């Protein structure tokens, strides 16, 4: 778990450094997408692992992982709402 948190922190720093870049090349666009997708996946993995490790329930979706964490006050309400919207079905 700590390895993933460290990787997420590295990704956030890198993405912040990329802020303001033009992303004119295919490589820079790919790098941005990859960094964002990897970061999102890490958040999902951490949320679901935390629910599992603490035996908080059996979520049927990634969205439910976030909802459970909020229910048990392990994630701030505003952050949970923001994340839930990202995992809402289309």
C-alpha atoms as a PDB file:
ATOM      1  CA  UNK A   1       0.000   0.000   0.000  1.00  0.00           C
ATOM      2  CA  UNK A   2       2.788   2.421   0.878  1.00  0.00           C
ATOM      3  CA  UNK A   3       4.430   1.767  -2.498  1.00  0.00           C
ATOM      4  CA  UNK A   4       1.258   2.854  -4.269  1.00  0.00           C
ATOM      5  CA  UNK A   5       0.943   5.961  -2.123  1.00  0.00           C
ATOM      6  CA  UNK A   6       4.543   6.873  -2.950  1.00  0.00           C
ATOM      7  CA  UNK A   7       3.867   6.298  -6.657  1.00  0.00           C
ATOM      8  CA  UNK A   8       0.754   8.486  -6.480  1.00  0.00           C
ATOM      9  CA  UNK A   9       2.726  11.257  -4.791  1.00  0.00           C
ATOM     10  CA  UNK A  10       5.387  11.017  -7.527  1.00  0.00           C
ATOM     11  CA  UNK A  11       2.699  11.168 -10.206  1.00  0.00           C
ATOM     12  CA  UNK A  12       1.106  14.237  -8.647  1.00  0.00           C
ATOM     13  CA  UNK A  13       4.448  16.028  -8.567  1.00  0.00           C
ATOM     14  CA  UNK A  14       5.124  15.120 -12.192  1.00  0.00           C
ATOM     15  CA  UNK A  15       1.638  16.188 -13.292  1.00  0.00           C
ATOM     16  CA  UNK A  16       2.045  19.492 -11.464  1.00  0.00           C
ATOM     17  CA  UNK A  17       5.369  20.033 -13.226  1.00  0.00           C
ATOM     18  CA  UNK A  18       3.614  19.391 -16.553  1.00  0.00           C
ATOM     19  CA  UNK A  19       1.043  22.080 -15.821  1.00  0.00           C
ATOM     20  CA  UNK A  20       1.315  24.806 -18.431  1.00  0.00           C
ATOM     21  CA  UNK A  21       2.960  22.598 -21.066  1.00  0.00           C
ATOM     22  CA  UNK A  22       1.488  22.880 -24.549  1.00  0.00           C
ATOM     23  CA  UNK A  23       1.134  19.108 -25.153  1.00  0.00           C
ATOM     24  CA  UNK A  24       1.664  19.710 -28.856  1.00  0.00           C
ATOM     25  CA  UNK A  25       3.358  16.382 -29.474  1.00  0.00           C
ATOM     26  CA  UNK A  26       1.797  12.968 -29.419  1.00  0.00           C
ATOM     27  CA  UNK A  27       4.356  11.867 -26.826  1.00  0.00           C
ATOM     28  CA  UNK A  28       3.508  14.663 -24.407  1.00  0.00           C
ATOM     29  CA  UNK A  29      -0.218  13.966 -24.788  1.00  0.00           C
ATOM     30  CA  UNK A  30       0.393  10.278 -24.173  1.00  0.00           C
ATOM     31  CA  UNK A  31       2.526  11.054 -21.104  1.00  0.00           C
ATOM     32  CA  UNK A  32      -0.233  13.211 -19.645  1.00  0.00           C
ATOM     33  CA  UNK A  33      -2.933  10.590 -20.287  1.00  0.00           C
ATOM     34  CA  UNK A  34      -0.773   7.809 -18.874  1.00  0.00           C
ATOM     35  CA  UNK A  35       0.034   9.808 -15.746  1.00  0.00           C
ATOM     36  CA  UNK A  36      -3.613  10.641 -15.152  1.00  0.00           C
ATOM     37  CA  UNK A  37      -4.860   7.111 -15.808  1.00  0.00           C
ATOM     38  CA  UNK A  38      -2.220   5.555 -13.581  1.00  0.00           C
ATOM     39  CA  UNK A  39      -3.037   8.014 -10.798  1.00  0.00           C
ATOM     40  CA  UNK A  40      -6.767   7.319 -11.066  1.00  0.00           C
ATOM     41  CA  UNK A  41      -6.127   3.578 -10.944  1.00  0.00           C
ATOM     42  CA  UNK A  42      -3.970   3.977  -7.839  1.00  0.00           C
ATOM     43  CA  UNK A  43      -6.753   5.912  -6.084  1.00  0.00           C
ATOM     44  CA  UNK A  44      -9.248   3.185  -7.008  1.00  0.00           C
ATOM     45  CA  UNK A  45      -6.907   0.428  -5.832  1.00  0.00           C
ATOM     46  CA  UNK A  46      -6.176   2.172  -2.542  1.00  0.00           C
ATOM     47  CA  UNK A  47      -9.854   2.821  -1.842  1.00  0.00           C
ATOM     48  CA  UNK A  48     -10.881  -0.766  -2.492  1.00  0.00           C
ATOM     49  CA  UNK A  49      -7.918  -2.167  -0.561  1.00  0.00           C
ATOM     50  CA  UNK A  50      -8.738  -0.014   2.446  1.00  0.00           C
ATOM     51  CA  UNK A  51     -12.350  -1.203   2.418  1.00  0.00           C
ATOM     52  CA  UNK A  52     -11.151  -4.786   2.227  1.00  0.00           C
ATOM     53  CA  UNK A  53      -8.423  -4.508   4.881  1.00  0.00           C
ATOM     54  CA  UNK A  54     -10.798  -2.893   7.343  1.00  0.00           C
ATOM     55  CA  UNK A  55     -13.575  -5.359   6.480  1.00  0.00           C
ATOM     56  CA  UNK A  56     -16.030  -2.539   5.832  1.00  0.00           C
ATOM     57  CA  UNK A  57     -18.247  -4.355   3.379  1.00  0.00           C
ATOM     58  CA  UNK A  58     -18.413  -5.895  -0.060  1.00  0.00           C
ATOM     59  CA  UNK A  59     -18.669  -3.085  -2.590  1.00  0.00           C
ATOM     60  CA  UNK A  60     -20.058  -3.970  -6.000  1.00  0.00           C
ATOM     61  CA  UNK A  61     -18.306  -1.068  -7.717  1.00  0.00           C
ATOM     62  CA  UNK A  62     -15.440   1.364  -7.384  1.00  0.00           C
ATOM     63  CA  UNK A  63     -17.978   4.044  -6.568  1.00  0.00           C
ATOM     64  CA  UNK A  64     -19.217   1.997  -3.619  1.00  0.00           C
ATOM     65  CA  UNK A  65     -15.647   1.743  -2.293  1.00  0.00           C
ATOM     66  CA  UNK A  66     -15.573   5.531  -2.058  1.00  0.00           C
ATOM     67  CA  UNK A  67     -19.055   5.677  -0.527  1.00  0.00           C
ATOM     68  CA  UNK A  68     -18.074   3.169   2.149  1.00  0.00           C
ATOM     69  CA  UNK A  69     -14.922   5.116   3.013  1.00  0.00           C
ATOM     70  CA  UNK A  70     -17.017   8.272   3.411  1.00  0.00           C
ATOM     71  CA  UNK A  71     -19.607   6.419   5.493  1.00  0.00           C
ATOM     72  CA  UNK A  72     -16.893   5.410   7.953  1.00  0.00           C
ATOM     73  CA  UNK A  73     -15.336   8.908   7.890  1.00  0.00           C
ATOM     74  CA  UNK A  74     -12.129   7.660   6.276  1.00  0.00           C
ATOM     75  CA  UNK A  75     -12.503  10.140   3.406  1.00  0.00           C
ATOM     76  CA  UNK A  76     -13.733  13.711   3.682  1.00  0.00           C
ATOM     77  CA  UNK A  77     -17.272  14.202   2.428  1.00  0.00           C
ATOM     78  CA  UNK A  78     -16.324  16.730  -0.265  1.00  0.00           C
ATOM     79  CA  UNK A  79     -13.552  14.511  -1.618  1.00  0.00           C
ATOM     80  CA  UNK A  80     -15.849  11.491  -1.600  1.00  0.00           C
ATOM     81  CA  UNK A  81     -18.532  13.394  -3.526  1.00  0.00           C
ATOM     82  CA  UNK A  82     -15.987  14.515  -6.090  1.00  0.00           C
ATOM     83  CA  UNK A  83     -14.613  10.995  -6.539  1.00  0.00           C
ATOM     84  CA  UNK A  84     -18.064   9.420  -6.672  1.00  0.00           C
ATOM     85  CA  UNK A  85     -19.016  11.716  -9.541  1.00  0.00           C
ATOM     86  CA  UNK A  86     -15.979  10.468 -11.448  1.00  0.00           C
ATOM     87  CA  UNK A  87     -17.145   6.849 -11.046  1.00  0.00           C
ATOM     88  CA  UNK A  88     -20.801   7.493 -11.828  1.00  0.00           C
ATOM     89  CA  UNK A  89     -22.249   5.370 -14.611  1.00  0.00           C
ATOM     90  CA  UNK A  90     -22.691   7.260 -17.895  1.00  0.00           C
END
